[in-house]
Amino acid sequence: MVIKHSELAAIAARPQQYPPEDLPEIAFAGRSNVGKSSLINLLLGRKNLAKVSGSPGKTRTINFYQVNGAFRIVDLPGYGYARVSKSLSQDWGEMIETYLKGRRNLRKVVQLVDIRHEPTAQDLQMYEWLKFYGMDGLVVATKADKISGNQWQKNRAMIRKKLQMEKDDVLLAVSALKKTGWEALLEQIEELIAPCQDG
């Protein structure tokens, strides 16, 4: 797939603000500061379409990006930032869950984890949520440039074990800085939206 055009389609805090359910959607979820915005920009070939915040936990909306007029990439609010109040964290959790539960055109959620560290309790909770909604099975380990190839094999096993991933679940390593690994993710996205385009 070649991405020729991408644009911000909607910024939403509640379902009434979502765009129509007329295109398949692939959502991205991850801890604050895991590199979600950088990865989305890399995928879309745009430098600043998804705003990279210097303050983790700043994104408090669901952002919808329309791609090639054919599908949307959805940026879910980051979770797990310590300085955010409990009430705000709860609001974001409810915002994400409302989207996951009710969005009929959602095809998959790509969960991001930091390749350097063991997934946190919140990462595991998120993955269990995704399993519950049938949206699990695709995890991207970001910041792959920060560790060696040998370390990646070790950390790969650690991530799979911690998240209790199934054998067929996909785990990819990506570096937004080095611009590596994103092609494999784009192939996964193409496979997910292909049935929608065929049908």
C-alpha atoms as a PDB file:
ATOM      1  CA  MET A   1       0.000   0.000   0.000  1.00  0.00           C
ATOM      2  CA  VAL A   2       1.181   3.488  -0.857  1.00  0.00           C
ATOM      3  CA  ILE A   3      -0.183   6.284   1.303  1.00  0.00           C
ATOM      4  CA  LYS A   4      -0.824   9.223  -0.994  1.00  0.00           C
ATOM      5  CA  HIS A   5      -3.078  11.373   1.144  1.00  0.00           C
ATOM      6  CA  SER A   6      -3.829  11.716   4.849  1.00  0.00           C
ATOM      7  CA  GLU A   7      -5.673  14.338   6.851  1.00  0.00           C
ATOM      8  CA  LEU A   8      -7.149  14.931  10.281  1.00  0.00           C
ATOM      9  CA  ALA A   9     -10.820  13.982   9.946  1.00  0.00           C
ATOM     10  CA  ALA A  10     -12.116  14.531  13.490  1.00  0.00           C
ATOM     11  CA  ILE A  11     -11.136  15.250  17.091  1.00  0.00           C
ATOM     12  CA  ALA A  12     -13.574  13.623  19.494  1.00  0.00           C
ATOM     13  CA  ALA A  13     -14.192  13.375  23.222  1.00  0.00           C
ATOM     14  CA  ARG A  14     -17.547  11.605  22.893  1.00  0.00           C
ATOM     15  CA  PRO A  15     -19.341   9.413  20.303  1.00  0.00           C
ATOM     16  CA  GLN A  16     -21.427  12.253  18.876  1.00  0.00           C
ATOM     17  CA  GLN A  17     -18.183  13.769  17.595  1.00  0.00           C
ATOM     18  CA  TYR A  18     -16.938  10.604  15.833  1.00  0.00           C
ATOM     19  CA  PRO A  19     -16.935  10.605  12.020  1.00  0.00           C
ATOM     20  CA  PRO A  20     -19.473   8.336  10.257  1.00  0.00           C
ATOM     21  CA  GLU A  21     -18.918   4.558  10.434  1.00  0.00           C
ATOM     22  CA  ASP A  22     -18.411   4.432   6.668  1.00  0.00           C
ATOM     23  CA  LEU A  23     -14.713   3.470   6.574  1.00  0.00           C
ATOM     24  CA  PRO A  24     -12.712   0.745   8.349  1.00  0.00           C
ATOM     25  CA  GLU A  25     -10.654   1.976  11.291  1.00  0.00           C
ATOM     26  CA  ILE A  26      -7.369   0.821  12.814  1.00  0.00           C
ATOM     27  CA  ALA A  27      -6.804   2.299  16.273  1.00  0.00           C
ATOM     28  CA  PHE A  28      -3.499   2.829  18.083  1.00  0.00           C
ATOM     29  CA  ALA A  29      -3.248   2.506  21.864  1.00  0.00           C
ATOM     30  CA  GLY A  30      -0.299   2.814  24.217  1.00  0.00           C
ATOM     31  CA  ARG A  31       1.182   4.420  27.271  1.00  0.00           C
ATOM     32  CA  SER A  32       1.882   8.121  27.231  1.00  0.00           C
ATOM     33  CA  ASN A  33       5.366   8.759  25.836  1.00  0.00           C
ATOM     34  CA  VAL A  34       5.592   5.387  24.035  1.00  0.00           C
ATOM     35  CA  GLY A  35       5.997   7.152  20.679  1.00  0.00           C
ATOM     36  CA  LYS A  36       2.487   6.780  19.290  1.00  0.00           C
ATOM     37  CA  SER A  37       2.306  10.123  17.498  1.00  0.00           C
ATOM     38  CA  SER A  38       5.783   9.637  16.013  1.00  0.00           C
ATOM     39  CA  LEU A  39       4.787   6.221  14.683  1.00  0.00           C
ATOM     40  CA  ILE A  40       1.548   7.511  13.159  1.00  0.00           C
ATOM     41  CA  ASN A  41       3.452  10.330  11.441  1.00  0.00           C
ATOM     42  CA  LEU A  42       5.987   7.809  10.109  1.00  0.00           C
ATOM     43  CA  LEU A  43       3.233   5.565   8.733  1.00  0.00           C
ATOM     44  CA  LEU A  44       1.434   8.464   7.084  1.00  0.00           C
ATOM     45  CA  GLY A  45       4.598  10.043   5.719  1.00  0.00           C
ATOM     46  CA  ARG A  46       3.782  13.326   7.458  1.00  0.00           C
ATOM     47  CA  LYS A  47       6.043  15.140   9.904  1.00  0.00           C
ATOM     48  CA  ASN A  48       3.518  16.838  12.150  1.00  0.00           C
ATOM     49  CA  LEU A  49       0.045  15.517  11.329  1.00  0.00           C
ATOM     50  CA  ALA A  50      -0.187  13.730  14.678  1.00  0.00           C
ATOM     51  CA  LYS A  51       1.052  16.207  17.263  1.00  0.00           C
ATOM     52  CA  VAL A  52       4.054  14.957  19.232  1.00  0.00           C
ATOM     53  CA  SER A  53       3.617  16.336  22.722  1.00  0.00           C
ATOM     54  CA  GLY A  54       6.485  17.339  24.969  1.00  0.00           C
ATOM     55  CA  SER A  55       4.159  16.695  27.928  1.00  0.00           C
ATOM     56  CA  PRO A  56       3.172  13.019  28.223  1.00  0.00           C
ATOM     57  CA  GLY A  57      -0.510  12.491  28.890  1.00  0.00           C
ATOM     58  CA  LYS A  58      -1.511  15.707  27.147  1.00  0.00           C
ATOM     59  CA  THR A  59      -3.699  14.125  24.442  1.00  0.00           C
ATOM     60  CA  ARG A  60      -7.183  13.916  25.916  1.00  0.00           C
ATOM     61  CA  THR A  61      -9.186  13.256  22.782  1.00  0.00           C
ATOM     62  CA  ILE A  62      -9.568  10.527  20.178  1.00  0.00           C
ATOM     63  CA  ASN A  63      -8.070  11.762  16.906  1.00  0.00           C
ATOM     64  CA  PHE A  64      -9.221  10.308  13.574  1.00  0.00           C
ATOM     65  CA  TYR A  65      -6.917  10.491  10.528  1.00  0.00           C
ATOM     66  CA  GLN A  66      -8.395   9.663   7.124  1.00  0.00           C
ATOM     67  CA  VAL A  67      -5.993   7.868   4.780  1.00  0.00           C
ATOM     68  CA  ASN A  68      -6.280   7.662   0.965  1.00  0.00           C
ATOM     69  CA  GLY A  69     -10.019   8.264   1.409  1.00  0.00           C
ATOM     70  CA  ALA A  70     -10.198   4.519   2.145  1.00  0.00           C
ATOM     71  CA  PHE A  71      -9.690   3.990   5.890  1.00  0.00           C
ATOM     72  CA  ARG A  72      -8.878   5.792   9.142  1.00  0.00           C
ATOM     73  CA  ILE A  73      -6.083   5.553  11.670  1.00  0.00           C
ATOM     74  CA  VAL A  74      -7.389   6.402  15.121  1.00  0.00           C
ATOM     75  CA  ASP A  75      -5.105   7.791  17.827  1.00  0.00           C
ATOM     76  CA  LEU A  76      -6.461   6.846  21.265  1.00  0.00           C
ATOM     77  CA  PRO A  77      -5.430   8.872  24.357  1.00  0.00           C
ATOM     78  CA  GLY A  78      -2.231   7.688  26.012  1.00  0.00           C
ATOM     79  CA  TYR A  79      -2.595   5.969  29.360  1.00  0.00           C
ATOM     80  CA  GLY A  80      -0.468   5.497  32.460  1.00  0.00           C
ATOM     81  CA  TYR A  81       1.125   8.897  32.994  1.00  0.00           C
ATOM     82  CA  ALA A  82       1.818   9.305  36.722  1.00  0.00           C
ATOM     83  CA  ARG A  83       1.159  13.053  36.994  1.00  0.00           C
ATOM     84  CA  VAL A  84      -2.365  12.787  35.643  1.00  0.00           C
ATOM     85  CA  SER A  85      -5.088  12.820  38.302  1.00  0.00           C
ATOM     86  CA  LYS A  86      -7.077   9.653  38.967  1.00  0.00           C
ATOM     87  CA  SER A  87     -10.304  11.282  37.810  1.00  0.00           C
ATOM     88  CA  LEU A  88      -8.737  12.269  34.485  1.00  0.00           C
ATOM     89  CA  SER A  89      -7.252   8.780  34.045  1.00  0.00           C
ATOM     90  CA  GLN A  90     -10.692   7.319  34.679  1.00  0.00           C
ATOM     91  CA  ASP A  91     -12.242   9.681  32.118  1.00  0.00           C
ATOM     92  CA  TRP A  92      -9.716   8.574  29.490  1.00  0.00           C
ATOM     93  CA  GLY A  93     -10.342   4.917  30.328  1.00  0.00           C
ATOM     94  CA  GLU A  94     -14.061   5.438  29.845  1.00  0.00           C
ATOM     95  CA  MET A  95     -13.418   7.330  26.597  1.00  0.00           C
ATOM     96  CA  ILE A  96     -11.324   4.461  25.206  1.00  0.00           C
ATOM     97  CA  GLU A  97     -13.764   1.793  26.384  1.00  0.00           C
ATOM     98  CA  THR A  98     -16.737   3.635  24.886  1.00  0.00           C
ATOM     99  CA  TYR A  99     -14.943   3.700  21.533  1.00  0.00           C
ATOM    100  CA  LEU A 100     -13.893   0.020  21.710  1.00  0.00           C
ATOM    101  CA  LYS A 101     -17.368  -1.172  22.724  1.00  0.00           C
ATOM    102  CA  GLY A 102     -19.420   0.811  20.290  1.00  0.00           C
ATOM    103  CA  ARG A 103     -17.447   1.311  17.085  1.00  0.00           C
ATOM    104  CA  ARG A 104     -18.768  -1.185  14.520  1.00  0.00           C
ATOM    105  CA  ASN A 105     -16.215  -0.289  11.815  1.00  0.00           C
ATOM    106  CA  LEU A 106     -13.188  -0.809  14.115  1.00  0.00           C
ATOM    107  CA  ARG A 107     -11.081  -3.618  12.642  1.00  0.00           C
ATOM    108  CA  LYS A 108      -8.115  -3.841  15.012  1.00  0.00           C
ATOM    109  CA  VAL A 109      -6.258  -2.033  17.774  1.00  0.00           C
ATOM    110  CA  VAL A 110      -2.484  -1.811  17.453  1.00  0.00           C
ATOM    111  CA  GLN A 111      -1.053  -1.764  20.965  1.00  0.00           C
ATOM    112  CA  LEU A 112       2.292  -0.027  21.450  1.00  0.00           C
ATOM    113  CA  VAL A 113       4.819  -0.981  24.118  1.00  0.00           C
ATOM    114  CA  ASP A 114       8.350   0.276  24.776  1.00  0.00           C
ATOM    115  CA  ILE A 115      10.799  -2.376  23.535  1.00  0.00           C
ATOM    116  CA  ARG A 116      13.274  -1.570  26.308  1.00  0.00           C
ATOM    117  CA  HIS A 117      11.028  -2.411  29.247  1.00  0.00           C
ATOM    118  CA  GLU A 118       8.739  -5.138  30.482  1.00  0.00           C
ATOM    119  CA  PRO A 119       5.106  -4.224  29.734  1.00  0.00           C
ATOM    120  CA  THR A 120       3.485  -2.514  32.705  1.00  0.00           C
ATOM    121  CA  ALA A 121       0.368  -3.592  34.601  1.00  0.00           C
ATOM    122  CA  GLN A 122      -1.542  -1.005  32.558  1.00  0.00           C
ATOM    123  CA  ASP A 123      -0.167  -2.445  29.304  1.00  0.00           C
ATOM    124  CA  LEU A 124      -1.404  -5.862  30.401  1.00  0.00           C
ATOM    125  CA  GLN A 125      -4.774  -4.437  31.401  1.00  0.00           C
ATOM    126  CA  MET A 126      -5.068  -2.805  27.972  1.00  0.00           C
ATOM    127  CA  TYR A 127      -4.201  -6.045  26.198  1.00  0.00           C
ATOM    128  CA  GLU A 128      -6.778  -7.929  28.290  1.00  0.00           C
ATOM    129  CA  TRP A 129      -9.353  -5.299  27.301  1.00  0.00           C
ATOM    130  CA  LEU A 130      -8.452  -5.859  23.651  1.00  0.00           C
ATOM    131  CA  LYS A 131      -8.796  -9.628  24.054  1.00  0.00           C
ATOM    132  CA  PHE A 132     -12.223  -9.114  25.586  1.00  0.00           C
ATOM    133  CA  TYR A 133     -13.326  -7.061  22.572  1.00  0.00           C
ATOM    134  CA  GLY A 134     -11.617  -9.355  20.043  1.00  0.00           C
ATOM    135  CA  MET A 135      -9.171  -6.624  19.018  1.00  0.00           C
ATOM    136  CA  ASP A 136      -5.900  -8.139  20.295  1.00  0.00           C
ATOM    137  CA  GLY A 137      -3.147  -9.874  18.359  1.00  0.00           C
ATOM    138  CA  LEU A 138      -1.092  -6.983  16.950  1.00  0.00           C
ATOM    139  CA  VAL A 139       1.571  -5.386  19.160  1.00  0.00           C
ATOM    140  CA  VAL A 140       4.277  -2.927  18.093  1.00  0.00           C
ATOM    141  CA  ALA A 141       7.404  -2.533  20.200  1.00  0.00           C
ATOM    142  CA  THR A 142       8.623   1.037  19.685  1.00  0.00           C
ATOM    143  CA  LYS A 143      12.086   2.615  20.063  1.00  0.00           C
ATOM    144  CA  ALA A 144      13.796  -0.413  18.485  1.00  0.00           C
ATOM    145  CA  ASP A 145      16.879   1.714  17.779  1.00  0.00           C
ATOM    146  CA  LYS A 146      17.559   1.853  21.524  1.00  0.00           C
ATOM    147  CA  ILE A 147      18.590  -1.830  21.854  1.00  0.00           C
ATOM    148  CA  SER A 148      20.738  -4.337  19.938  1.00  0.00           C
ATOM    149  CA  GLY A 149      19.394  -7.117  17.728  1.00  0.00           C
ATOM    150  CA  ASN A 150      20.379  -9.721  20.323  1.00  0.00           C
ATOM    151  CA  GLN A 151      18.556  -7.831  23.051  1.00  0.00           C
ATOM    152  CA  TRP A 152      15.481  -7.603  20.815  1.00  0.00           C
ATOM    153  CA  GLN A 153      15.118 -11.401  20.751  1.00  0.00           C
ATOM    154  CA  LYS A 154      15.252 -11.522  24.540  1.00  0.00           C
ATOM    155  CA  ASN A 155      12.832  -8.617  24.986  1.00  0.00           C
ATOM    156  CA  ARG A 156      10.498 -10.053  22.362  1.00  0.00           C
ATOM    157  CA  ALA A 157      10.079 -13.207  24.462  1.00  0.00           C
ATOM    158  CA  MET A 158       9.589 -11.071  27.586  1.00  0.00           C
ATOM    159  CA  ILE A 159       6.853  -8.956  25.952  1.00  0.00           C
ATOM    160  CA  ARG A 160       5.012 -11.985  24.557  1.00  0.00           C
ATOM    161  CA  LYS A 161       5.089 -13.725  27.913  1.00  0.00           C
ATOM    162  CA  LYS A 162       4.001 -10.685  29.946  1.00  0.00           C
ATOM    163  CA  LEU A 163       1.060  -9.897  27.656  1.00  0.00           C
ATOM    164  CA  GLN A 164       0.203 -13.612  27.359  1.00  0.00           C
ATOM    165  CA  MET A 165       0.191 -13.333  23.580  1.00  0.00           C
ATOM    166  CA  GLU A 166      -0.936 -16.326  21.551  1.00  0.00           C
ATOM    167  CA  LYS A 167       1.454 -18.073  19.172  1.00  0.00           C
ATOM    168  CA  ASP A 168      -0.165 -16.518  16.090  1.00  0.00           C
ATOM    169  CA  ASP A 169      -0.287 -12.993  17.526  1.00  0.00           C
ATOM    170  CA  VAL A 170       2.000 -10.546  15.718  1.00  0.00           C
ATOM    171  CA  LEU A 171       4.766  -8.608  17.483  1.00  0.00           C
ATOM    172  CA  LEU A 172       6.715  -6.073  15.396  1.00  0.00           C
ATOM    173  CA  ALA A 173       9.703  -3.890  16.252  1.00  0.00           C
ATOM    174  CA  VAL A 174       9.633  -0.327  14.909  1.00  0.00           C
ATOM    175  CA  SER A 175      11.902   2.694  15.196  1.00  0.00           C
ATOM    176  CA  ALA A 176      10.400   6.046  14.224  1.00  0.00           C
ATOM    177  CA  LEU A 177      13.845   7.604  14.609  1.00  0.00           C
ATOM    178  CA  LYS A 178      15.590   5.189  12.219  1.00  0.00           C
ATOM    179  CA  LYS A 179      12.415   4.751  10.127  1.00  0.00           C
ATOM    180  CA  THR A 180      12.557   0.948  10.328  1.00  0.00           C
ATOM    181  CA  GLY A 181       9.861  -1.695  10.730  1.00  0.00           C
ATOM    182  CA  TRP A 182       6.953   0.482   9.627  1.00  0.00           C
ATOM    183  CA  GLU A 183       6.558  -1.295   6.270  1.00  0.00           C
ATOM    184  CA  ALA A 184       5.669  -4.548   8.044  1.00  0.00           C
ATOM    185  CA  LEU A 185       3.054  -2.710  10.089  1.00  0.00           C
ATOM    186  CA  LEU A 186       1.618  -1.113   6.959  1.00  0.00           C
ATOM    187  CA  GLU A 187       1.321  -4.612   5.424  1.00  0.00           C
ATOM    188  CA  GLN A 188      -0.629  -5.768   8.482  1.00  0.00           C
ATOM    189  CA  ILE A 189      -2.964  -2.788   8.161  1.00  0.00           C
ATOM    190  CA  GLU A 190      -3.454  -3.461   4.447  1.00  0.00           C
ATOM    191  CA  GLU A 191      -4.501  -7.058   5.212  1.00  0.00           C
ATOM    192  CA  LEU A 192      -6.955  -5.864   7.851  1.00  0.00           C
ATOM    193  CA  ILE A 193      -8.712  -3.349   5.613  1.00  0.00           C
ATOM    194  CA  ALA A 194      -8.607  -5.436   2.407  1.00  0.00           C
ATOM    195  CA  PRO A 195     -11.752  -7.497   3.223  1.00  0.00           C
ATOM    196  CA  CYS A 196     -13.650  -4.243   3.769  1.00  0.00           C
ATOM    197  CA  GLN A 197     -12.558  -2.852   0.440  1.00  0.00           C
ATOM    198  CA  ASP A 198     -13.324  -6.114  -1.385  1.00  0.00           C
ATOM    199  CA  GLY A 199     -16.738  -6.422   0.197  1.00  0.00           C
END
